[in-house]
Structures are given as structure tokens and as C-alpha cells.
Amino acid sequence: MKLLKIDDSKGFFLGEDDEYIPIDKITKEQLLRMVNLVLSEEVEFDEYDAEKLLNQAHQIIYKSIYNKLLELNGRKAEFIDQSERLFLEDYEKYKHGAPQQGA
């Protein structure tokens, strides 16, 4: 699934309804959705290219989001392993019953 693309000299991101929306319209909820997709799905992005992105606002936003999602995608296994270790520690702590209140 392609989350970021460059088309007609503008940057776009994949919206919830599988439509591409101009990158300068992204909200924090949509960005969080993309982070979740990077962690749970196989995703791809059009590589950042300032010569293909003529809109300066799109250049800045696209480059920032592209770099962060690319880094997250590259560290996905490490991030998932770390999260699982944290949950395992809590599970081990509480598997014999939650601590009694007032004890």
C-alpha cells in the first residue's frame, strides 16, 4: 500500500477512503493512522524529490513526513519487539492476580 506519493508536482497521502489527499491537508489523526499502518502493514512511499515537488509547502511537509515514516518503517521490528517486551513484563507482573487494593 502506497502511503505517500508525488503526482503533478504535488505531494499526497493516502486517506482513510483510499483516496489521495494533498499533503498540506494532513491532520494529526491522519498522521497517527499512517504511523499505525507503517507498524502493521507492508507500505511504500514515493521517494522525496524536491525537483518533482514544485510546491514549497508540499516539499517541507512531504520531506518531514517521508523521513519520519521511512525511519519508523526501517525500525519496525525493533519497535514491535520493544513494545512486546513491555507488555510481557506487565503480563508477568499480573498473571498471578492483580495486587490487592488496601493491602
PDB file of N, CA and C in Angstrom:
ATOM      1  N   MET A   1       0.853  -1.158   0.000  1.00  0.00           N
ATOM      2  CA  MET A   1       0.000   0.000   0.000  1.00  0.00           C
ATOM      3  C   MET A   1       0.905   1.229   0.000  1.00  0.00           C
ATOM      4  N   LYS A   2       0.651   2.145  -0.905  1.00  0.00           N
ATOM      5  CA  LYS A   2       1.469   3.350  -1.019  1.00  0.00           C
ATOM      6  C   LYS A   2       0.844   4.458  -0.177  1.00  0.00           C
ATOM      7  N   LEU A   3       1.565   4.886   0.876  1.00  0.00           N
ATOM      8  CA  LEU A   3       1.051   5.907   1.781  1.00  0.00           C
ATOM      9  C   LEU A   3       1.340   7.322   1.310  1.00  0.00           C
ATOM     10  N   LEU A   4       2.475   7.528   0.645  1.00  0.00           N
ATOM     11  CA  LEU A   4       2.851   8.853   0.151  1.00  0.00           C
ATOM     12  C   LEU A   4       3.194   8.758  -1.330  1.00  0.00           C
ATOM     13  N   LYS A   5       2.694   9.728  -2.076  1.00  0.00           N
ATOM     14  CA  LYS A   5       3.040   9.740  -3.496  1.00  0.00           C
ATOM     15  C   LYS A   5       3.206  11.172  -3.978  1.00  0.00           C
ATOM     16  N   ILE A   6       3.966  11.298  -5.048  1.00  0.00           N
ATOM     17  CA  ILE A   6       4.170  12.586  -5.711  1.00  0.00           C
ATOM     18  C   ILE A   6       3.519  12.483  -7.080  1.00  0.00           C
ATOM     19  N   ASP A   7       2.649  13.446  -7.363  1.00  0.00           N
ATOM     20  CA  ASP A   7       1.930  13.437  -8.637  1.00  0.00           C
ATOM     21  C   ASP A   7       1.622  14.879  -9.023  1.00  0.00           C
ATOM     22  N   ASP A   8       1.816  15.212 -10.263  1.00  0.00           N
ATOM     23  CA  ASP A   8       1.502  16.546 -10.778  1.00  0.00           C
ATOM     24  C   ASP A   8       2.203  17.635  -9.956  1.00  0.00           C
ATOM     25  N   SER A   9       3.450  17.396  -9.598  1.00  0.00           N
ATOM     26  CA  SER A   9       4.305  18.335  -8.861  1.00  0.00           C
ATOM     27  C   SER A   9       3.840  18.624  -7.434  1.00  0.00           C
ATOM     28  N   LYS A  10       2.977  17.748  -6.888  1.00  0.00           N
ATOM     29  CA  LYS A  10       2.453  17.925  -5.532  1.00  0.00           C
ATOM     30  C   LYS A  10       2.605  16.626  -4.756  1.00  0.00           C
ATOM     31  N   GLY A  11       2.623  16.747  -3.431  1.00  0.00           N
ATOM     32  CA  GLY A  11       2.690  15.589  -2.562  1.00  0.00           C
ATOM     33  C   GLY A  11       1.310  15.211  -2.059  1.00  0.00           C
ATOM     34  N   PHE A  12       1.075  13.903  -1.925  1.00  0.00           N
ATOM     35  CA  PHE A  12      -0.218  13.389  -1.473  1.00  0.00           C
ATOM     36  C   PHE A  12      -0.001  12.278  -0.457  1.00  0.00           C
ATOM     37  N   PHE A  13      -0.998  12.101   0.428  1.00  0.00           N
ATOM     38  CA  PHE A  13      -1.002  10.976   1.353  1.00  0.00           C
ATOM     39  C   PHE A  13      -2.288  10.195   1.150  1.00  0.00           C
ATOM     40  N   LEU A  14      -2.255   8.919   1.515  1.00  0.00           N
ATOM     41  CA  LEU A  14      -3.406   8.043   1.356  1.00  0.00           C
ATOM     42  C   LEU A  14      -4.374   8.261   2.506  1.00  0.00           C
ATOM     43  N   GLY A  15      -5.603   8.658   2.179  1.00  0.00           N
ATOM     44  CA  GLY A  15      -6.629   8.887   3.186  1.00  0.00           C
ATOM     45  C   GLY A  15      -7.339   7.604   3.577  1.00  0.00           C
ATOM     46  N   GLU A  16      -8.247   7.716   4.533  1.00  0.00           N
ATOM     47  CA  GLU A  16      -8.973   6.552   5.050  1.00  0.00           C
ATOM     48  C   GLU A  16      -9.813   5.847   3.992  1.00  0.00           C
ATOM     49  N   ASP A  17     -10.317   6.596   3.031  1.00  0.00           N
ATOM     50  CA  ASP A  17     -11.166   6.014   1.988  1.00  0.00           C
ATOM     51  C   ASP A  17     -10.368   5.634   0.751  1.00  0.00           C
ATOM     52  N   ASP A  18      -9.073   5.405   0.927  1.00  0.00           N
ATOM     53  CA  ASP A  18      -8.160   5.035  -0.160  1.00  0.00           C
ATOM     54  C   ASP A  18      -8.097   6.082  -1.269  1.00  0.00           C
ATOM     55  N   GLU A  19      -8.317   7.342  -0.902  1.00  0.00           N
ATOM     56  CA  GLU A  19      -8.157   8.430  -1.851  1.00  0.00           C
ATOM     57  C   GLU A  19      -6.921   9.218  -1.454  1.00  0.00           C
ATOM     58  N   TYR A  20      -6.250   9.791  -2.431  1.00  0.00           N
ATOM     59  CA  TYR A  20      -5.055  10.576  -2.138  1.00  0.00           C
ATOM     60  C   TYR A  20      -5.447  12.027  -1.901  1.00  0.00           C
ATOM     61  N   ILE A  21      -4.933  12.578  -0.796  1.00  0.00           N
ATOM     62  CA  ILE A  21      -5.266  13.920  -0.344  1.00  0.00           C
ATOM     63  C   ILE A  21      -3.980  14.746  -0.351  1.00  0.00           C
ATOM     64  N   PRO A  22      -4.060  16.021  -0.753  1.00  0.00           N
ATOM     65  CA  PRO A  22      -2.851  16.858  -0.739  1.00  0.00           C
ATOM     66  C   PRO A  22      -2.193  16.856   0.645  1.00  0.00           C
ATOM     67  N   ILE A  23      -0.876  16.728   0.658  1.00  0.00           N
ATOM     68  CA  ILE A  23      -0.114  16.564   1.895  1.00  0.00           C
ATOM     69  C   ILE A  23      -0.290  17.740   2.848  1.00  0.00           C
ATOM     70  N   ASP A  24      -0.573  18.928   2.333  1.00  0.00           N
ATOM     71  CA  ASP A  24      -0.730  20.083   3.220  1.00  0.00           C
ATOM     72  C   ASP A  24      -2.074  20.088   3.952  1.00  0.00           C
ATOM     73  N   LYS A  25      -2.924  19.107   3.681  1.00  0.00           N
ATOM     74  CA  LYS A  25      -4.225  18.985   4.352  1.00  0.00           C
ATOM     75  C   LYS A  25      -4.201  17.931   5.466  1.00  0.00           C
ATOM     76  N   ILE A  26      -3.036  17.360   5.744  1.00  0.00           N
ATOM     77  CA  ILE A  26      -2.944  16.272   6.710  1.00  0.00           C
ATOM     78  C   ILE A  26      -3.234  16.774   8.131  1.00  0.00           C
ATOM     79  N   THR A  27      -3.929  15.942   8.903  1.00  0.00           N
ATOM     80  CA  THR A  27      -4.215  16.248  10.306  1.00  0.00           C
ATOM     81  C   THR A  27      -3.389  15.315  11.185  1.00  0.00           C
ATOM     82  N   LYS A  28      -3.335  15.618  12.461  1.00  0.00           N
ATOM     83  CA  LYS A  28      -2.573  14.744  13.363  1.00  0.00           C
ATOM     84  C   LYS A  28      -3.212  13.367  13.464  1.00  0.00           C
ATOM     85  N   GLU A  29      -4.533  13.274  13.336  1.00  0.00           N
ATOM     86  CA  GLU A  29      -5.202  11.971  13.356  1.00  0.00           C
ATOM     87  C   GLU A  29      -4.821  11.140  12.135  1.00  0.00           C
ATOM     88  N   GLN A  30      -4.732  11.783  10.983  1.00  0.00           N
ATOM     89  CA  GLN A  30      -4.342  11.081   9.763  1.00  0.00           C
ATOM     90  C   GLN A  30      -2.876  10.659   9.824  1.00  0.00           C
ATOM     91  N   LEU A  31      -2.055  11.477  10.437  1.00  0.00           N
ATOM     92  CA  LEU A  31      -0.645  11.130  10.601  1.00  0.00           C
ATOM     93  C   LEU A  31      -0.501   9.931  11.535  1.00  0.00           C
ATOM     94  N   LEU A  32      -1.253   9.914  12.621  1.00  0.00           N
ATOM     95  CA  LEU A  32      -1.229   8.782  13.547  1.00  0.00           C
ATOM     96  C   LEU A  32      -1.715   7.512  12.846  1.00  0.00           C
ATOM     97  N   ARG A  33      -2.719   7.635  12.008  1.00  0.00           N
ATOM     98  CA  ARG A  33      -3.215   6.484  11.232  1.00  0.00           C
ATOM     99  C   ARG A  33      -2.098   5.921  10.347  1.00  0.00           C
ATOM    100  N   MET A  34      -1.328   6.810   9.720  1.00  0.00           N
ATOM    101  CA  MET A  34      -0.232   6.347   8.865  1.00  0.00           C
ATOM    102  C   MET A  34       0.855   5.665   9.689  1.00  0.00           C
ATOM    103  N   VAL A  35       1.142   6.182  10.882  1.00  0.00           N
ATOM    104  CA  VAL A  35       2.124   5.538  11.761  1.00  0.00           C
ATOM    105  C   VAL A  35       1.660   4.125  12.088  1.00  0.00           C
ATOM    106  N   ASN A  36       0.390   3.975  12.427  1.00  0.00           N
ATOM    107  CA  ASN A  36      -0.163   2.650  12.729  1.00  0.00           C
ATOM    108  C   ASN A  36      -0.081   1.724  11.526  1.00  0.00           C
ATOM    109  N   LEU A  37      -0.336   2.253  10.344  1.00  0.00           N
ATOM    110  CA  LEU A  37      -0.237   1.436   9.129  1.00  0.00           C
ATOM    111  C   LEU A  37       1.202   0.992   8.885  1.00  0.00           C
ATOM    112  N   VAL A  38       2.150   1.886   9.110  1.00  0.00           N
ATOM    113  CA  VAL A  38       3.565   1.528   8.931  1.00  0.00           C
ATOM    114  C   VAL A  38       3.922   0.375   9.862  1.00  0.00           C
ATOM    115  N   LEU A  39       3.404   0.396  11.084  1.00  0.00           N
ATOM    116  CA  LEU A  39       3.732  -0.637  12.056  1.00  0.00           C
ATOM    117  C   LEU A  39       2.995  -1.947  11.828  1.00  0.00           C
ATOM    118  N   SER A  40       1.876  -1.908  11.105  1.00  0.00           N
ATOM    119  CA  SER A  40       1.066  -3.121  10.966  1.00  0.00           C
ATOM    120  C   SER A  40       0.962  -3.670   9.551  1.00  0.00           C
ATOM    121  N   GLU A  41       1.372  -2.924   8.555  1.00  0.00           N
ATOM    122  CA  GLU A  41       1.212  -3.336   7.154  1.00  0.00           C
ATOM    123  C   GLU A  41       2.537  -3.187   6.407  1.00  0.00           C
ATOM    124  N   GLU A  42       2.566  -3.770   5.214  1.00  0.00           N
ATOM    125  CA  GLU A  42       3.670  -3.514   4.288  1.00  0.00           C
ATOM    126  C   GLU A  42       3.291  -2.254   3.509  1.00  0.00           C
ATOM    127  N   VAL A  43       4.117  -1.235   3.610  1.00  0.00           N
ATOM    128  CA  VAL A  43       3.806   0.046   2.978  1.00  0.00           C
ATOM    129  C   VAL A  43       4.969   0.497   2.107  1.00  0.00           C
ATOM    130  N   GLU A  44       4.678   1.458   1.256  1.00  0.00           N
ATOM    131  CA  GLU A  44       5.711   2.058   0.415  1.00  0.00           C
ATOM    132  C   GLU A  44       5.424   3.537   0.262  1.00  0.00           C
ATOM    133  N   PHE A  45       6.431   4.266  -0.199  1.00  0.00           N
ATOM    134  CA  PHE A  45       6.326   5.709  -0.376  1.00  0.00           C
ATOM    135  C   PHE A  45       7.065   6.094  -1.642  1.00  0.00           C
ATOM    136  N   ASP A  46       6.574   7.111  -2.336  1.00  0.00           N
ATOM    137  CA  ASP A  46       7.389   7.706  -3.391  1.00  0.00           C
ATOM    138  C   ASP A  46       8.536   8.424  -2.703  1.00  0.00           C
ATOM    139  N   GLU A  47       9.746   8.224  -3.203  1.00  0.00           N
ATOM    140  CA  GLU A  47      10.922   8.853  -2.614  1.00  0.00           C
ATOM    141  C   GLU A  47      10.818  10.369  -2.737  1.00  0.00           C
ATOM    142  N   TYR A  48      11.243  11.052  -1.686  1.00  0.00           N
ATOM    143  CA  TYR A  48      11.242  12.518  -1.708  1.00  0.00           C
ATOM    144  C   TYR A  48      12.180  13.011  -2.801  1.00  0.00           C
ATOM    145  N   ASP A  49      11.677  13.945  -3.614  1.00  0.00           N
ATOM    146  CA  ASP A  49      12.473  14.538  -4.687  1.00  0.00           C
ATOM    147  C   ASP A  49      12.016  15.986  -4.855  1.00  0.00           C
ATOM    148  N   ALA A  50      12.849  16.930  -4.420  1.00  0.00           N
ATOM    149  CA  ALA A  50      12.497  18.348  -4.461  1.00  0.00           C
ATOM    150  C   ALA A  50      12.232  18.824  -5.889  1.00  0.00           C
ATOM    151  N   GLU A  51      12.868  18.186  -6.869  1.00  0.00           N
ATOM    152  CA  GLU A  51      12.661  18.602  -8.264  1.00  0.00           C
ATOM    153  C   GLU A  51      11.285  18.192  -8.782  1.00  0.00           C
ATOM    154  N   LYS A  52      10.713  17.144  -8.210  1.00  0.00           N
ATOM    155  CA  LYS A  52       9.374  16.703  -8.618  1.00  0.00           C
ATOM    156  C   LYS A  52       8.286  17.433  -7.846  1.00  0.00           C
ATOM    157  N   LEU A  53       8.624  17.943  -6.666  1.00  0.00           N
ATOM    158  CA  LEU A  53       7.673  18.683  -5.830  1.00  0.00           C
ATOM    159  C   LEU A  53       7.938  20.175  -6.001  1.00  0.00           C
ATOM    160  N   LEU A  54       7.129  20.827  -6.793  1.00  0.00           N
ATOM    161  CA  LEU A  54       7.369  22.244  -7.066  1.00  0.00           C
ATOM    162  C   LEU A  54       6.745  23.154  -6.011  1.00  0.00           C
ATOM    163  N   ASN A  55       5.730  22.681  -5.324  1.00  0.00           N
ATOM    164  CA  ASN A  55       5.081  23.452  -4.272  1.00  0.00           C
ATOM    165  C   ASN A  55       5.973  23.409  -3.024  1.00  0.00           C
ATOM    166  N   GLN A  56       6.452  24.588  -2.569  1.00  0.00           N
ATOM    167  CA  GLN A  56       7.399  24.621  -1.460  1.00  0.00           C
ATOM    168  C   GLN A  56       6.796  24.101  -0.158  1.00  0.00           C
ATOM    169  N   ALA A  57       5.539  24.389   0.108  1.00  0.00           N
ATOM    170  CA  ALA A  57       4.898  23.881   1.320  1.00  0.00           C
ATOM    171  C   ALA A  57       4.856  22.355   1.266  1.00  0.00           C
ATOM    172  N   HIS A  58       4.538  21.801   0.108  1.00  0.00           N
ATOM    173  CA  HIS A  58       4.495  20.353  -0.057  1.00  0.00           C
ATOM    174  C   HIS A  58       5.884  19.757   0.129  1.00  0.00           C
ATOM    175  N   GLN A  59       6.922  20.461  -0.355  1.00  0.00           N
ATOM    176  CA  GLN A  59       8.298  19.978  -0.181  1.00  0.00           C
ATOM    177  C   GLN A  59       8.624  19.807   1.295  1.00  0.00           C
ATOM    178  N   ILE A  60       8.342  20.823   2.086  1.00  0.00           N
ATOM    179  CA  ILE A  60       8.684  20.801   3.514  1.00  0.00           C
ATOM    180  C   ILE A  60       7.914  19.722   4.242  1.00  0.00           C
ATOM    181  N   ILE A  61       6.603  19.675   4.034  1.00  0.00           N
ATOM    182  CA  ILE A  61       5.752  18.717   4.746  1.00  0.00           C
ATOM    183  C   ILE A  61       6.065  17.296   4.299  1.00  0.00           C
ATOM    184  N   TYR A  62       6.128  17.080   2.986  1.00  0.00           N
ATOM    185  CA  TYR A  62       6.381  15.739   2.448  1.00  0.00           C
ATOM    186  C   TYR A  62       7.721  15.210   2.945  1.00  0.00           C
ATOM    187  N   LYS A  63       8.768  16.042   2.876  1.00  0.00           N
ATOM    188  CA  LYS A  63      10.104  15.605   3.285  1.00  0.00           C
ATOM    189  C   LYS A  63      10.103  15.186   4.751  1.00  0.00           C
ATOM    190  N   SER A  64       9.472  15.971   5.595  1.00  0.00           N
ATOM    191  CA  SER A  64       9.443  15.673   7.025  1.00  0.00           C
ATOM    192  C   SER A  64       8.698  14.364   7.301  1.00  0.00           C
ATOM    193  N   ILE A  65       7.512  14.222   6.746  1.00  0.00           N
ATOM    194  CA  ILE A  65       6.709  13.014   6.965  1.00  0.00           C
ATOM    195  C   ILE A  65       7.397  11.803   6.341  1.00  0.00           C
ATOM    196  N   TYR A  66       7.902  11.952   5.136  1.00  0.00           N
ATOM    197  CA  TYR A  66       8.596  10.861   4.449  1.00  0.00           C
ATOM    198  C   TYR A  66       9.763  10.345   5.285  1.00  0.00           C
ATOM    199  N   ASN A  67      10.607  11.259   5.774  1.00  0.00           N
ATOM    200  CA  ASN A  67      11.783  10.845   6.553  1.00  0.00           C
ATOM    201  C   ASN A  67      11.380  10.128   7.838  1.00  0.00           C
ATOM    202  N   LYS A  68      10.381  10.637   8.531  1.00  0.00           N
ATOM    203  CA  LYS A  68       9.954  10.020   9.793  1.00  0.00           C
ATOM    204  C   LYS A  68       9.328   8.650   9.548  1.00  0.00           C
ATOM    205  N   LEU A  69       8.452   8.532   8.548  1.00  0.00           N
ATOM    206  CA  LEU A  69       7.816   7.239   8.278  1.00  0.00           C
ATOM    207  C   LEU A  69       8.822   6.231   7.740  1.00  0.00           C
ATOM    208  N   LEU A  70       9.769   6.676   6.941  1.00  0.00           N
ATOM    209  CA  LEU A  70      10.804   5.789   6.414  1.00  0.00           C
ATOM    210  C   LEU A  70      11.668   5.249   7.561  1.00  0.00           C
ATOM    211  N   GLU A  71      12.026   6.120   8.501  1.00  0.00           N
ATOM    212  CA  GLU A  71      12.811   5.692   9.656  1.00  0.00           C
ATOM    213  C   GLU A  71      12.017   4.703  10.501  1.00  0.00           C
ATOM    214  N   LEU A  72      10.743   5.002  10.744  1.00  0.00           N
ATOM    215  CA  LEU A  72       9.894   4.104  11.523  1.00  0.00           C
ATOM    216  C   LEU A  72       9.758   2.758  10.828  1.00  0.00           C
ATOM    217  N   ASN A  73       9.569   2.767   9.529  1.00  0.00           N
ATOM    218  CA  ASN A  73       9.441   1.530   8.761  1.00  0.00           C
ATOM    219  C   ASN A  73      10.720   0.693   8.875  1.00  0.00           C
ATOM    220  N   GLY A  74      11.857   1.351   8.862  1.00  0.00           N
ATOM    221  CA  GLY A  74      13.129   0.651   8.988  1.00  0.00           C
ATOM    222  C   GLY A  74      13.364   0.081  10.377  1.00  0.00           C
ATOM    223  N   ARG A  75      12.755   0.685  11.370  1.00  0.00           N
ATOM    224  CA  ARG A  75      12.937   0.241  12.758  1.00  0.00           C
ATOM    225  C   ARG A  75      11.700  -0.485  13.287  1.00  0.00           C
ATOM    226  N   LYS A  76      10.809  -0.881  12.391  1.00  0.00           N
ATOM    227  CA  LYS A  76       9.545  -1.511  12.783  1.00  0.00           C
ATOM    228  C   LYS A  76       9.754  -2.723  13.688  1.00  0.00           C
ATOM    229  N   ALA A  77      10.627  -3.631  13.314  1.00  0.00           N
ATOM    230  CA  ALA A  77      10.844  -4.851  14.100  1.00  0.00           C
ATOM    231  C   ALA A  77      11.361  -4.506  15.495  1.00  0.00           C
ATOM    232  N   GLU A  78      12.290  -3.577  15.568  1.00  0.00           N
ATOM    233  CA  GLU A  78      12.840  -3.153  16.864  1.00  0.00           C
ATOM    234  C   GLU A  78      11.740  -2.545  17.739  1.00  0.00           C
ATOM    235  N   PHE A  79      10.922  -1.701  17.159  1.00  0.00           N
ATOM    236  CA  PHE A  79       9.837  -1.044  17.894  1.00  0.00           C
ATOM    237  C   PHE A  79       8.819  -2.066  18.397  1.00  0.00           C
ATOM    238  N   ILE A  80       8.446  -3.013  17.549  1.00  0.00           N
ATOM    239  CA  ILE A  80       7.473  -4.044  17.929  1.00  0.00           C
ATOM    240  C   ILE A  80       8.042  -4.930  19.024  1.00  0.00           C
ATOM    241  N   ASP A  81       9.310  -5.338  18.900  1.00  0.00           N
ATOM    242  CA  ASP A  81       9.953  -6.155  19.932  1.00  0.00           C
ATOM    243  C   ASP A  81       9.978  -5.435  21.275  1.00  0.00           C
ATOM    244  N   GLN A  82      10.318  -4.171  21.255  1.00  0.00           N
ATOM    245  CA  GLN A  82      10.370  -3.393  22.493  1.00  0.00           C
ATOM    246  C   GLN A  82       8.979  -3.285  23.118  1.00  0.00           C
ATOM    247  N   SER A  83       7.958  -3.052  22.318  1.00  0.00           N
ATOM    248  CA  SER A  83       6.590  -2.967  22.825  1.00  0.00           C
ATOM    249  C   SER A  83       6.154  -4.292  23.430  1.00  0.00           C
ATOM    250  N   GLU A  84       6.479  -5.395  22.759  1.00  0.00           N
ATOM    251  CA  GLU A  84       6.106  -6.712  23.268  1.00  0.00           C
ATOM    252  C   GLU A  84       6.804  -7.010  24.592  1.00  0.00           C
ATOM    253  N   ARG A  85       8.061  -6.591  24.733  1.00  0.00           N
ATOM    254  CA  ARG A  85       8.775  -6.800  26.000  1.00  0.00           C
ATOM    255  C   ARG A  85       8.105  -6.040  27.135  1.00  0.00           C
ATOM    256  N   LEU A  86       7.664  -4.814  26.858  1.00  0.00           N
ATOM    257  CA  LEU A  86       6.985  -4.029  27.893  1.00  0.00           C
ATOM    258  C   LEU A  86       5.687  -4.701  28.321  1.00  0.00           C
ATOM    259  N   PHE A  87       4.909  -5.190  27.353  1.00  0.00           N
ATOM    260  CA  PHE A  87       3.660  -5.863  27.682  1.00  0.00           C
ATOM    261  C   PHE A  87       3.917  -7.174  28.409  1.00  0.00           C
ATOM    262  N   LEU A  88       4.983  -7.883  28.047  1.00  0.00           N
ATOM    263  CA  LEU A  88       5.315  -9.142  28.702  1.00  0.00           C
ATOM    264  C   LEU A  88       5.670  -8.901  30.170  1.00  0.00           C
ATOM    265  N   GLU A  89       6.418  -7.835  30.432  1.00  0.00           N
ATOM    266  CA  GLU A  89       6.756  -7.507  31.815  1.00  0.00           C
ATOM    267  C   GLU A  89       5.491  -7.266  32.637  1.00  0.00           C
ATOM    268  N   ASP A  90       4.552  -6.502  32.086  1.00  0.00           N
ATOM    269  CA  ASP A  90       3.292  -6.254  32.801  1.00  0.00           C
ATOM    270  C   ASP A  90       2.488  -7.532  32.947  1.00  0.00           C
ATOM    271  N   TYR A  91       2.473  -8.349  31.921  1.00  0.00           N
ATOM    272  CA  TYR A  91       1.743  -9.618  31.980  1.00  0.00           C
ATOM    273  C   TYR A  91       2.306 -10.505  33.091  1.00  0.00           C
ATOM    274  N   GLU A  92       3.630 -10.639  33.116  1.00  0.00           N
ATOM    275  CA  GLU A  92       4.273 -11.468  34.144  1.00  0.00           C
ATOM    276  C   GLU A  92       3.966 -10.934  35.540  1.00  0.00           C
ATOM    277  N   LYS A  93       3.942  -9.642  35.656  1.00  0.00           N
ATOM    278  CA  LYS A  93       3.699  -8.993  36.936  1.00  0.00           C
ATOM    279  C   LYS A  93       2.287  -9.303  37.463  1.00  0.00           C
ATOM    280  N   TYR A  94       1.331  -9.363  36.554  1.00  0.00           N
ATOM    281  CA  TYR A  94      -0.073  -9.503  36.968  1.00  0.00           C
ATOM    282  C   TYR A  94      -0.683 -10.874  36.691  1.00  0.00           C
ATOM    283  N   LYS A  95       0.055 -11.810  36.136  1.00  0.00           N
ATOM    284  CA  LYS A  95      -0.561 -13.078  35.733  1.00  0.00           C
ATOM    285  C   LYS A  95      -1.025 -13.905  36.925  1.00  0.00           C
ATOM    286  N   HIS A  96      -0.443 -13.688  38.079  1.00  0.00           N
ATOM    287  CA  HIS A  96      -0.874 -14.418  39.266  1.00  0.00           C
ATOM    288  C   HIS A  96      -1.906 -13.626  40.056  1.00  0.00           C
ATOM    289  N   GLY A  97      -2.535 -12.686  39.395  1.00  0.00           N
ATOM    290  CA  GLY A  97      -3.563 -11.873  40.040  1.00  0.00           C
ATOM    291  C   GLY A  97      -3.058 -10.466  40.275  1.00  0.00           C
ATOM    292  N   ALA A  98      -3.949  -9.542  40.095  1.00  0.00           N
ATOM    293  CA  ALA A  98      -3.603  -8.142  40.314  1.00  0.00           C
ATOM    294  C   ALA A  98      -3.339  -7.906  41.794  1.00  0.00           C
ATOM    295  N   PRO A  99      -2.488  -6.968  42.116  1.00  0.00           N
ATOM    296  CA  PRO A  99      -2.235  -6.657  43.522  1.00  0.00           C
ATOM    297  C   PRO A  99      -3.531  -6.272  44.224  1.00  0.00           C
ATOM    298  N   GLN A 100      -3.673  -6.695  45.457  1.00  0.00           N
ATOM    299  CA  GLN A 100      -4.872  -6.394  46.236  1.00  0.00           C
ATOM    300  C   GLN A 100      -4.842  -4.943  46.678  1.00  0.00           C
ATOM    301  N   GLN A 101      -5.975  -4.275  46.520  1.00  0.00           N
ATOM    302  CA  GLN A 101      -6.058  -2.892  46.974  1.00  0.00           C
ATOM    303  C   GLN A 101      -6.185  -2.874  48.477  1.00  0.00           C
ATOM    304  N   GLY A 102      -5.580  -1.902  49.095  1.00  0.00           N
ATOM    305  CA  GLY A 102      -5.649  -1.744  50.530  1.00  0.00           C
ATOM    306  C   GLY A 102      -4.769  -2.722  51.284  1.00  0.00           C
ATOM    307  N   ALA A 103      -3.985  -3.493  50.579  1.00  0.00           N
ATOM    308  CA  ALA A 103      -3.128  -4.478  51.245  1.00  0.00           C
ATOM    309  C   ALA A 103      -1.805  -3.892  51.598  1.00  0.00           C
TER     310      ALA A 103
END
